[in-house]
């Protein structure tokens, strides 16, 4: 059953609810100092923008969650980042994950076009720093993917319960915009 759920998840475009969950999980990796002047958009917008431009699939994004969670555990509780640290961590994790999972992944110079806010030198440094922080522990098992997908499903179920007014008269599977029935990012206007 887990395997079929994972297969179904990977075959569909990433839903808005999954991208929201991804943003929430990425924001938990490290607390950041707030700023009034931002050169990079807020994390959720940055992730949507980057996923749309790079056209990465939900399987890759699920693997990104595994590495982000691993990084969150490794970072000291007293660590604090700059205002754009979360965006940098997400970008570096996405790049490393793409290289890990694909024989032919985009080069870092291509990521400068996808991410738009960082130079190739910055991206190279982010990648090196991430690998060092993870101590090059990049293995991702099927159980890791099952765990992340289960966390998403639980989060989705919890948010669905909050938004439903009357669960007795309606079936969640027929409600538009509820978790799995949300429009995918690919159907959004550019």
N, C-alpha and C. Protein backbone atom coordinates (compact mmCIF):
# COMPACT_ATOMS: atom_id res chain seq x y z
N UNK A 1 0.82 -1.19 0.00
CA UNK A 1 0.00 0.00 0.00
C UNK A 1 0.87 1.27 0.00
N UNK A 2 1.92 1.29 0.82
CA UNK A 2 2.83 2.44 0.84
C UNK A 2 3.48 2.64 -0.52
N UNK A 3 3.88 1.52 -1.12
CA UNK A 3 4.56 1.60 -2.41
C UNK A 3 3.61 2.18 -3.47
N UNK A 4 2.37 1.75 -3.47
CA UNK A 4 1.41 2.25 -4.45
C UNK A 4 1.14 3.74 -4.22
N UNK A 5 1.02 4.14 -2.96
CA UNK A 5 0.80 5.56 -2.64
C UNK A 5 1.97 6.41 -3.13
N UNK A 6 3.18 5.91 -2.90
CA UNK A 6 4.37 6.63 -3.35
C UNK A 6 4.39 6.72 -4.88
N UNK A 7 4.08 5.63 -5.53
CA UNK A 7 4.06 5.60 -7.00
C UNK A 7 3.04 6.60 -7.55
N UNK A 8 1.84 6.61 -6.97
CA UNK A 8 0.81 7.56 -7.39
C UNK A 8 1.26 9.00 -7.17
N UNK A 9 1.90 9.24 -6.04
CA UNK A 9 2.37 10.58 -5.70
C UNK A 9 3.41 11.06 -6.71
N UNK A 10 4.34 10.20 -7.05
CA UNK A 10 5.43 10.57 -7.95
C UNK A 10 4.93 10.82 -9.37
N UNK A 11 3.90 10.12 -9.77
CA UNK A 11 3.41 10.23 -11.15
C UNK A 11 2.58 11.49 -11.39
N UNK A 12 2.12 12.13 -10.35
CA UNK A 12 1.30 13.33 -10.50
C UNK A 12 2.16 14.58 -10.31
N UNK A 13 1.74 15.68 -10.90
CA UNK A 13 2.46 16.94 -10.65
C UNK A 13 2.33 17.33 -9.17
N UNK A 14 3.29 18.08 -8.69
CA UNK A 14 3.26 18.53 -7.30
C UNK A 14 2.06 19.44 -7.07
N UNK A 15 1.27 19.14 -6.06
CA UNK A 15 0.09 19.94 -5.74
C UNK A 15 0.50 21.18 -4.94
N UNK A 16 -0.36 22.14 -4.92
CA UNK A 16 -0.11 23.35 -4.15
C UNK A 16 0.00 23.01 -2.66
N UNK A 17 -0.82 22.07 -2.20
CA UNK A 17 -0.76 21.69 -0.78
C UNK A 17 0.59 21.05 -0.46
N UNK A 18 1.16 20.28 -1.39
CA UNK A 18 2.48 19.69 -1.14
C UNK A 18 3.55 20.77 -1.12
N UNK A 19 3.47 21.73 -2.02
CA UNK A 19 4.46 22.82 -2.03
C UNK A 19 4.35 23.67 -0.78
N UNK A 20 3.14 23.84 -0.27
CA UNK A 20 2.97 24.55 1.00
C UNK A 20 3.62 23.76 2.14
N UNK A 21 3.41 22.45 2.15
CA UNK A 21 4.02 21.59 3.17
C UNK A 21 5.55 21.65 3.05
N UNK A 22 6.05 21.60 1.84
CA UNK A 22 7.49 21.70 1.60
C UNK A 22 8.05 23.01 2.15
N UNK A 23 7.35 24.09 1.92
CA UNK A 23 7.77 25.40 2.44
C UNK A 23 7.77 25.42 3.96
N UNK A 24 6.73 24.84 4.55
CA UNK A 24 6.66 24.80 6.02
C UNK A 24 7.82 24.00 6.59
N UNK A 25 8.11 22.86 6.00
CA UNK A 25 9.21 22.02 6.50
C UNK A 25 10.56 22.70 6.29
N UNK A 26 10.73 23.38 5.16
CA UNK A 26 11.99 24.09 4.90
C UNK A 26 12.18 25.23 5.89
N UNK A 27 11.10 25.84 6.32
CA UNK A 27 11.21 26.95 7.28
C UNK A 27 11.60 26.47 8.67
N UNK A 28 11.46 25.18 8.94
CA UNK A 28 11.81 24.63 10.26
C UNK A 28 13.29 24.29 10.40
N UNK A 29 14.03 24.32 9.30
CA UNK A 29 15.43 23.89 9.33
C UNK A 29 16.28 24.79 10.22
N UNK A 30 16.09 26.10 10.10
CA UNK A 30 16.89 27.03 10.88
C UNK A 30 16.10 28.32 11.10
N UNK A 31 16.13 28.87 12.31
CA UNK A 31 15.50 30.18 12.51
C UNK A 31 16.37 31.26 11.86
N UNK A 32 15.72 32.29 11.34
CA UNK A 32 16.45 33.37 10.66
C UNK A 32 16.10 34.72 11.25
N UNK A 33 17.07 35.64 11.18
CA UNK A 33 16.86 37.01 11.61
C UNK A 33 15.94 37.69 10.59
N UNK A 34 14.89 38.36 11.05
CA UNK A 34 14.01 39.05 10.10
C UNK A 34 14.68 40.32 9.56
N UNK A 35 14.21 40.75 8.41
CA UNK A 35 14.72 41.98 7.82
C UNK A 35 13.58 42.70 7.11
N UNK A 36 13.73 44.00 6.98
CA UNK A 36 12.71 44.78 6.27
C UNK A 36 13.01 44.85 4.78
N UNK A 37 14.27 44.77 4.43
CA UNK A 37 14.64 44.81 3.02
C UNK A 37 15.04 43.41 2.59
N UNK A 38 14.29 42.88 1.65
CA UNK A 38 14.55 41.52 1.20
C UNK A 38 14.98 41.54 -0.27
N UNK A 39 16.09 40.86 -0.54
CA UNK A 39 16.54 40.75 -1.93
C UNK A 39 16.00 39.47 -2.57
N UNK A 40 15.54 38.56 -1.73
CA UNK A 40 14.99 37.28 -2.18
C UNK A 40 13.54 37.22 -1.69
N UNK A 41 12.62 36.68 -2.50
CA UNK A 41 11.22 36.60 -2.06
C UNK A 41 11.05 35.69 -0.85
N UNK A 42 9.92 35.77 -0.17
CA UNK A 42 9.65 34.88 0.96
C UNK A 42 9.81 33.42 0.53
N UNK A 43 10.11 32.58 1.49
CA UNK A 43 10.45 31.18 1.20
C UNK A 43 9.38 30.47 0.36
N UNK A 44 8.13 30.59 0.73
CA UNK A 44 7.08 29.89 -0.01
C UNK A 44 7.03 30.35 -1.47
N UNK A 45 7.16 31.63 -1.72
CA UNK A 45 7.16 32.15 -3.09
C UNK A 45 8.41 31.69 -3.83
N UNK A 46 9.53 31.71 -3.14
CA UNK A 46 10.80 31.27 -3.75
C UNK A 46 10.70 29.81 -4.19
N UNK A 47 10.15 28.97 -3.33
CA UNK A 47 10.02 27.54 -3.66
C UNK A 47 9.08 27.35 -4.85
N UNK A 48 7.94 28.01 -4.85
CA UNK A 48 7.01 27.89 -5.98
C UNK A 48 7.69 28.35 -7.28
N UNK A 49 8.37 29.48 -7.20
CA UNK A 49 9.07 30.04 -8.35
C UNK A 49 10.14 29.07 -8.86
N UNK A 50 10.93 28.54 -7.95
CA UNK A 50 12.03 27.65 -8.32
C UNK A 50 11.52 26.32 -8.88
N UNK A 51 10.49 25.76 -8.27
CA UNK A 51 9.93 24.49 -8.75
C UNK A 51 9.33 24.68 -10.14
N UNK A 52 8.65 25.78 -10.35
CA UNK A 52 8.05 26.04 -11.66
C UNK A 52 9.15 26.20 -12.72
N UNK A 53 10.17 26.97 -12.42
CA UNK A 53 11.22 27.25 -13.42
C UNK A 53 12.10 26.03 -13.70
N UNK A 54 12.37 25.23 -12.69
CA UNK A 54 13.25 24.08 -12.88
C UNK A 54 12.51 22.82 -13.31
N UNK A 55 11.20 22.80 -13.16
CA UNK A 55 10.34 21.67 -13.55
C UNK A 55 10.73 20.36 -12.85
N UNK A 56 11.14 20.44 -11.59
CA UNK A 56 11.45 19.22 -10.84
C UNK A 56 10.15 18.52 -10.45
N UNK A 57 10.23 17.21 -10.34
CA UNK A 57 9.05 16.42 -10.03
C UNK A 57 8.84 16.23 -8.54
N UNK A 58 7.68 15.71 -8.17
CA UNK A 58 7.36 15.49 -6.76
C UNK A 58 8.27 14.46 -6.09
N UNK A 59 8.77 13.49 -6.83
CA UNK A 59 9.69 12.51 -6.24
C UNK A 59 10.97 13.16 -5.78
N UNK A 60 11.50 14.06 -6.60
CA UNK A 60 12.70 14.80 -6.22
C UNK A 60 12.43 15.68 -5.02
N UNK A 61 11.27 16.34 -5.00
CA UNK A 61 10.93 17.22 -3.88
C UNK A 61 10.73 16.43 -2.59
N UNK A 62 10.23 15.22 -2.70
CA UNK A 62 10.09 14.36 -1.52
C UNK A 62 11.46 14.00 -0.97
N UNK A 63 12.40 13.71 -1.86
CA UNK A 63 13.78 13.42 -1.44
C UNK A 63 14.43 14.67 -0.84
N UNK A 64 14.09 15.85 -1.35
CA UNK A 64 14.58 17.10 -0.76
C UNK A 64 14.14 17.18 0.70
N UNK A 65 12.90 16.80 0.96
CA UNK A 65 12.39 16.82 2.34
C UNK A 65 13.20 15.93 3.27
N UNK A 66 13.64 14.79 2.76
CA UNK A 66 14.45 13.87 3.57
C UNK A 66 15.75 14.55 3.97
N UNK A 67 16.41 15.18 3.01
CA UNK A 67 17.69 15.84 3.32
C UNK A 67 17.49 17.08 4.19
N UNK A 68 16.41 17.83 3.97
CA UNK A 68 16.13 18.99 4.82
C UNK A 68 15.90 18.56 6.27
N UNK A 69 15.18 17.47 6.45
CA UNK A 69 14.93 16.97 7.81
C UNK A 69 16.23 16.51 8.46
N UNK A 70 17.07 15.88 7.69
CA UNK A 70 18.37 15.43 8.20
C UNK A 70 19.21 16.64 8.62
N UNK A 71 19.17 17.69 7.81
CA UNK A 71 19.92 18.91 8.12
C UNK A 71 19.36 19.59 9.37
N UNK A 72 18.05 19.64 9.48
CA UNK A 72 17.41 20.25 10.66
C UNK A 72 17.88 19.58 11.94
N UNK A 73 17.98 18.27 11.91
CA UNK A 73 18.43 17.52 13.08
C UNK A 73 19.89 17.81 13.41
N UNK A 74 20.71 17.99 12.37
CA UNK A 74 22.14 18.20 12.58
C UNK A 74 22.50 19.61 13.04
N UNK A 75 21.72 20.60 12.64
CA UNK A 75 22.06 21.97 13.01
C UNK A 75 21.82 22.19 14.49
N UNK A 76 22.72 22.92 15.09
CA UNK A 76 22.61 23.21 16.52
C UNK A 76 21.38 24.08 16.78
N UNK A 77 20.71 23.85 17.91
CA UNK A 77 19.51 24.65 18.21
C UNK A 77 19.81 26.14 18.32
N UNK A 78 21.06 26.50 18.57
CA UNK A 78 21.38 27.92 18.71
C UNK A 78 21.75 28.57 17.37
N UNK A 79 21.82 27.78 16.31
CA UNK A 79 22.16 28.33 15.00
C UNK A 79 21.07 29.27 14.51
N UNK A 80 21.49 30.39 13.95
CA UNK A 80 20.55 31.35 13.35
C UNK A 80 21.11 31.76 12.00
N UNK A 81 20.18 31.99 11.08
CA UNK A 81 20.60 32.34 9.74
C UNK A 81 20.30 33.78 9.36
N UNK A 82 20.85 34.18 8.23
CA UNK A 82 20.56 35.49 7.65
C UNK A 82 19.14 35.43 7.07
N UNK A 83 18.61 36.56 6.64
CA UNK A 83 17.25 36.55 6.09
C UNK A 83 17.05 35.60 4.92
N UNK A 84 18.06 35.37 4.09
CA UNK A 84 17.88 34.49 2.92
C UNK A 84 18.47 33.10 3.13
N UNK A 85 18.81 32.74 4.35
CA UNK A 85 19.43 31.44 4.62
C UNK A 85 18.52 30.29 4.23
N UNK A 86 17.25 30.37 4.55
CA UNK A 86 16.33 29.28 4.23
C UNK A 86 16.22 29.07 2.72
N UNK A 87 16.19 30.14 1.96
CA UNK A 87 16.14 30.02 0.51
C UNK A 87 17.43 29.39 -0.01
N UNK A 88 18.55 29.78 0.55
CA UNK A 88 19.84 29.21 0.15
C UNK A 88 19.90 27.71 0.48
N UNK A 89 19.44 27.36 1.66
CA UNK A 89 19.45 25.95 2.06
C UNK A 89 18.53 25.15 1.15
N UNK A 90 17.35 25.68 0.86
CA UNK A 90 16.45 24.94 -0.03
C UNK A 90 17.07 24.77 -1.40
N UNK A 91 17.62 25.82 -1.96
CA UNK A 91 18.22 25.74 -3.29
C UNK A 91 19.36 24.73 -3.31
N UNK A 92 20.25 24.81 -2.33
CA UNK A 92 21.39 23.87 -2.28
C UNK A 92 20.90 22.44 -2.13
N UNK A 93 19.88 22.23 -1.32
CA UNK A 93 19.34 20.88 -1.12
C UNK A 93 18.68 20.37 -2.40
N UNK A 94 18.00 21.22 -3.09
CA UNK A 94 17.39 20.82 -4.36
C UNK A 94 18.46 20.46 -5.38
N UNK A 95 19.50 21.24 -5.48
CA UNK A 95 20.58 20.97 -6.43
C UNK A 95 21.26 19.64 -6.11
N UNK A 96 21.61 19.45 -4.85
CA UNK A 96 22.27 18.21 -4.44
C UNK A 96 21.37 17.00 -4.69
N UNK A 97 20.08 17.15 -4.39
CA UNK A 97 19.14 16.05 -4.60
C UNK A 97 19.01 15.71 -6.08
N UNK A 98 18.92 16.73 -6.92
CA UNK A 98 18.83 16.49 -8.36
C UNK A 98 20.07 15.76 -8.86
N UNK A 99 21.23 16.16 -8.38
CA UNK A 99 22.48 15.49 -8.79
C UNK A 99 22.55 14.07 -8.26
N UNK A 100 21.99 13.86 -7.08
CA UNK A 100 21.99 12.54 -6.46
C UNK A 100 21.08 11.57 -7.22
N UNK A 101 19.93 12.05 -7.66
CA UNK A 101 18.91 11.17 -8.24
C UNK A 101 18.99 11.02 -9.76
N UNK A 102 19.64 11.94 -10.42
CA UNK A 102 19.63 11.95 -11.88
C UNK A 102 21.04 11.84 -12.46
N UNK A 103 21.15 11.05 -13.50
CA UNK A 103 22.44 10.93 -14.18
C UNK A 103 22.84 12.24 -14.84
N UNK A 104 21.88 12.93 -15.39
CA UNK A 104 22.15 14.22 -16.03
C UNK A 104 21.31 15.29 -15.35
N UNK A 105 21.90 15.96 -14.41
CA UNK A 105 21.23 17.03 -13.68
C UNK A 105 21.74 18.37 -14.21
N UNK A 106 20.93 19.42 -14.06
CA UNK A 106 21.40 20.74 -14.51
C UNK A 106 22.70 21.14 -13.82
N UNK A 107 23.53 21.81 -14.56
CA UNK A 107 24.77 22.35 -13.99
C UNK A 107 24.42 23.56 -13.13
N UNK A 108 25.34 23.94 -12.26
CA UNK A 108 25.07 25.06 -11.37
C UNK A 108 24.83 26.36 -12.13
N UNK A 109 25.44 26.52 -13.29
CA UNK A 109 25.19 27.75 -14.07
C UNK A 109 23.73 27.80 -14.55
N UNK A 110 23.13 26.61 -14.77
CA UNK A 110 21.72 26.60 -15.13
C UNK A 110 20.83 26.97 -13.94
N UNK A 111 21.27 26.56 -12.75
CA UNK A 111 20.49 26.89 -11.56
C UNK A 111 20.46 28.40 -11.32
N UNK A 112 21.48 29.13 -11.80
CA UNK A 112 21.43 30.60 -11.65
C UNK A 112 20.26 31.17 -12.44
N UNK A 113 19.91 30.54 -13.56
CA UNK A 113 18.74 30.99 -14.34
C UNK A 113 17.44 30.58 -13.66
N UNK A 114 17.42 29.38 -13.08
CA UNK A 114 16.21 28.93 -12.39
C UNK A 114 15.97 29.74 -11.12
N UNK A 115 17.02 29.91 -10.33
CA UNK A 115 16.89 30.58 -9.04
C UNK A 115 16.88 32.10 -9.18
N UNK A 116 17.58 32.61 -10.16
CA UNK A 116 17.56 34.01 -10.54
C UNK A 116 18.20 34.97 -9.53
N UNK A 117 18.27 34.64 -8.27
CA UNK A 117 18.72 35.58 -7.25
C UNK A 117 20.17 35.35 -6.81
N UNK A 118 20.80 34.29 -7.30
CA UNK A 118 22.14 33.94 -6.82
C UNK A 118 23.09 33.73 -8.00
N UNK A 119 24.36 34.05 -7.76
CA UNK A 119 25.38 33.85 -8.79
C UNK A 119 25.87 32.41 -8.75
N UNK A 120 26.59 32.01 -9.78
CA UNK A 120 27.12 30.64 -9.82
C UNK A 120 28.13 30.43 -8.69
N UNK A 121 28.89 31.46 -8.34
CA UNK A 121 29.85 31.33 -7.23
C UNK A 121 29.12 31.10 -5.91
N UNK A 122 28.02 31.82 -5.70
CA UNK A 122 27.22 31.63 -4.48
C UNK A 122 26.63 30.22 -4.45
N UNK A 123 26.13 29.76 -5.57
CA UNK A 123 25.53 28.43 -5.65
C UNK A 123 26.57 27.35 -5.39
N UNK A 124 27.76 27.51 -5.96
CA UNK A 124 28.84 26.54 -5.70
C UNK A 124 29.16 26.48 -4.21
N UNK A 125 29.25 27.64 -3.58
CA UNK A 125 29.55 27.69 -2.15
C UNK A 125 28.42 27.07 -1.32
N UNK A 126 27.16 27.37 -1.68
CA UNK A 126 26.02 26.79 -0.95
C UNK A 126 26.07 25.26 -1.01
N UNK A 127 26.36 24.75 -2.19
CA UNK A 127 26.41 23.30 -2.36
C UNK A 127 27.51 22.68 -1.50
N UNK A 128 28.69 23.27 -1.51
CA UNK A 128 29.80 22.77 -0.70
C UNK A 128 29.47 22.82 0.79
N UNK A 129 28.87 23.93 1.23
CA UNK A 129 28.52 24.08 2.64
C UNK A 129 27.48 23.05 3.06
N UNK A 130 26.48 22.82 2.20
CA UNK A 130 25.45 21.84 2.53
C UNK A 130 26.06 20.44 2.65
N UNK A 131 26.90 20.08 1.71
CA UNK A 131 27.53 18.76 1.76
C UNK A 131 28.35 18.60 3.03
N UNK A 132 29.05 19.65 3.44
CA UNK A 132 29.84 19.60 4.67
C UNK A 132 28.92 19.47 5.89
N UNK A 133 27.83 20.24 5.92
CA UNK A 133 26.90 20.17 7.05
C UNK A 133 26.26 18.79 7.17
N UNK A 134 26.00 18.17 6.03
CA UNK A 134 25.41 16.82 6.04
C UNK A 134 26.47 15.74 6.18
N UNK A 135 27.73 16.15 6.25
CA UNK A 135 28.85 15.22 6.34
C UNK A 135 28.78 14.18 5.20
N UNK A 136 28.35 14.65 4.04
CA UNK A 136 28.22 13.83 2.82
C UNK A 136 27.32 12.61 3.03
N UNK A 137 26.44 12.65 4.02
CA UNK A 137 25.47 11.58 4.26
C UNK A 137 24.24 11.85 3.39
N UNK A 138 24.25 11.30 2.19
CA UNK A 138 23.21 11.60 1.21
C UNK A 138 22.32 10.41 0.87
N UNK A 139 22.49 9.32 1.57
CA UNK A 139 21.67 8.15 1.24
C UNK A 139 20.21 8.42 1.59
N UNK A 140 19.34 7.99 0.68
CA UNK A 140 17.90 8.15 0.88
C UNK A 140 17.26 6.79 0.59
N UNK A 141 16.64 6.23 1.60
CA UNK A 141 16.02 4.91 1.44
C UNK A 141 14.53 5.05 1.09
N UNK A 142 13.96 3.96 0.65
CA UNK A 142 12.52 3.94 0.40
C UNK A 142 11.75 4.26 1.67
N UNK A 143 12.23 3.75 2.80
CA UNK A 143 11.56 4.05 4.07
C UNK A 143 11.59 5.54 4.39
N UNK A 144 12.70 6.21 4.03
CA UNK A 144 12.77 7.67 4.22
C UNK A 144 11.67 8.36 3.41
N UNK A 145 11.48 7.91 2.17
CA UNK A 145 10.45 8.51 1.31
C UNK A 145 9.05 8.20 1.84
N UNK A 146 8.84 6.96 2.30
CA UNK A 146 7.54 6.60 2.88
C UNK A 146 7.23 7.48 4.09
N UNK A 147 8.24 7.71 4.94
CA UNK A 147 8.07 8.51 6.15
C UNK A 147 7.68 9.94 5.79
N UNK A 148 8.38 10.53 4.82
CA UNK A 148 8.07 11.91 4.43
C UNK A 148 6.69 12.01 3.80
N UNK A 149 6.33 11.03 3.00
CA UNK A 149 5.01 11.04 2.38
C UNK A 149 3.92 10.88 3.44
N UNK A 150 4.17 10.05 4.43
CA UNK A 150 3.20 9.88 5.53
C UNK A 150 3.05 11.18 6.32
N UNK A 151 4.16 11.90 6.53
CA UNK A 151 4.08 13.19 7.22
C UNK A 151 3.23 14.18 6.42
N UNK A 152 3.43 14.18 5.11
CA UNK A 152 2.62 15.06 4.27
C UNK A 152 1.15 14.68 4.35
N UNK A 153 0.87 13.39 4.24
CA UNK A 153 -0.52 12.92 4.31
C UNK A 153 -1.17 13.30 5.64
N UNK A 154 -0.42 13.16 6.74
CA UNK A 154 -0.96 13.55 8.06
C UNK A 154 -1.21 15.05 8.13
N UNK A 155 -0.28 15.82 7.60
CA UNK A 155 -0.43 17.27 7.59
C UNK A 155 -1.64 17.67 6.75
N UNK A 156 -1.78 17.02 5.63
CA UNK A 156 -2.90 17.30 4.73
C UNK A 156 -4.22 16.93 5.40
N UNK A 157 -4.26 15.79 6.03
CA UNK A 157 -5.47 15.36 6.72
C UNK A 157 -5.84 16.33 7.83
N UNK A 158 -4.83 16.81 8.57
CA UNK A 158 -5.09 17.76 9.65
C UNK A 158 -5.63 19.08 9.09
N UNK A 159 -5.04 19.57 7.99
CA UNK A 159 -5.53 20.83 7.43
C UNK A 159 -6.90 20.65 6.79
N UNK A 160 -7.15 19.46 6.25
CA UNK A 160 -8.48 19.19 5.67
C UNK A 160 -9.55 19.21 6.74
N UNK A 161 -9.25 18.66 7.91
CA UNK A 161 -10.22 18.64 9.00
C UNK A 161 -10.55 20.06 9.44
N UNK A 162 -9.55 20.95 9.41
CA UNK A 162 -9.78 22.33 9.82
C UNK A 162 -10.69 23.06 8.84
N UNK A 163 -10.59 22.72 7.56
CA UNK A 163 -11.34 23.46 6.55
C UNK A 163 -12.73 22.91 6.29
N UNK A 164 -12.99 21.71 6.72
CA UNK A 164 -14.32 21.13 6.48
C UNK A 164 -15.33 21.63 7.50
N UNK A 165 -16.45 22.06 7.01
CA UNK A 165 -17.50 22.55 7.90
C UNK A 165 -18.36 21.40 8.39
N UNK A 166 -18.77 20.54 7.48
CA UNK A 166 -19.67 19.44 7.82
C UNK A 166 -19.18 18.17 7.15
N UNK A 167 -18.45 17.35 7.88
CA UNK A 167 -17.90 16.12 7.29
C UNK A 167 -18.96 15.03 7.14
N UNK A 168 -20.07 15.18 7.81
CA UNK A 168 -21.12 14.15 7.71
C UNK A 168 -21.87 14.22 6.39
N UNK A 169 -22.00 15.41 5.81
CA UNK A 169 -22.80 15.55 4.59
C UNK A 169 -21.97 15.54 3.31
N UNK A 170 -20.65 15.62 3.42
CA UNK A 170 -19.81 15.66 2.23
C UNK A 170 -18.65 14.70 2.35
N UNK A 171 -18.23 14.17 1.22
CA UNK A 171 -17.04 13.33 1.17
C UNK A 171 -15.85 14.19 0.81
N UNK A 172 -14.74 14.06 1.54
CA UNK A 172 -13.55 14.87 1.27
C UNK A 172 -13.01 14.66 -0.13
N UNK A 173 -13.16 13.47 -0.68
CA UNK A 173 -12.60 13.21 -2.00
C UNK A 173 -13.32 13.95 -3.11
N UNK A 174 -14.52 14.48 -2.84
CA UNK A 174 -15.26 15.19 -3.87
C UNK A 174 -15.19 16.70 -3.71
N UNK A 175 -14.52 17.18 -2.68
CA UNK A 175 -14.43 18.62 -2.48
C UNK A 175 -13.30 19.20 -3.32
N UNK A 176 -13.57 20.23 -4.09
CA UNK A 176 -12.50 20.84 -4.87
C UNK A 176 -11.53 21.57 -3.96
N UNK A 177 -10.25 21.48 -4.29
CA UNK A 177 -9.24 22.21 -3.55
C UNK A 177 -8.84 21.59 -2.24
N UNK A 178 -9.30 20.39 -1.93
CA UNK A 178 -8.93 19.76 -0.67
C UNK A 178 -7.80 18.78 -0.92
N UNK A 179 -6.68 19.05 -0.35
CA UNK A 179 -5.47 18.23 -0.39
C UNK A 179 -5.18 17.64 -1.76
N UNK A 180 -5.42 16.36 -1.95
CA UNK A 180 -5.05 15.69 -3.18
C UNK A 180 -5.77 16.22 -4.41
N UNK A 181 -6.89 16.91 -4.21
CA UNK A 181 -7.64 17.43 -5.35
C UNK A 181 -7.26 18.85 -5.71
N UNK A 182 -6.24 19.40 -5.06
CA UNK A 182 -5.85 20.76 -5.38
C UNK A 182 -5.19 20.81 -6.75
N UNK A 183 -5.29 21.96 -7.40
CA UNK A 183 -4.64 22.08 -8.70
C UNK A 183 -3.14 21.94 -8.54
N UNK A 184 -2.52 21.42 -9.56
CA UNK A 184 -1.07 21.27 -9.51
C UNK A 184 -0.42 22.58 -9.91
N UNK A 185 0.84 22.69 -9.63
CA UNK A 185 1.60 23.88 -9.97
C UNK A 185 1.69 24.04 -11.48
N UNK A 186 1.70 22.96 -12.22
CA UNK A 186 1.83 23.04 -13.67
C UNK A 186 0.60 23.69 -14.32
N UNK A 187 -0.52 23.69 -13.63
CA UNK A 187 -1.72 24.28 -14.19
C UNK A 187 -1.86 25.75 -13.82
N UNK A 188 -0.94 26.28 -13.03
CA UNK A 188 -1.00 27.69 -12.66
C UNK A 188 -0.52 28.55 -13.80
N UNK A 189 -1.04 29.75 -13.93
CA UNK A 189 -0.53 30.65 -14.96
C UNK A 189 0.90 31.07 -14.63
N UNK A 190 1.70 31.39 -15.64
CA UNK A 190 3.09 31.77 -15.39
C UNK A 190 3.23 33.06 -14.63
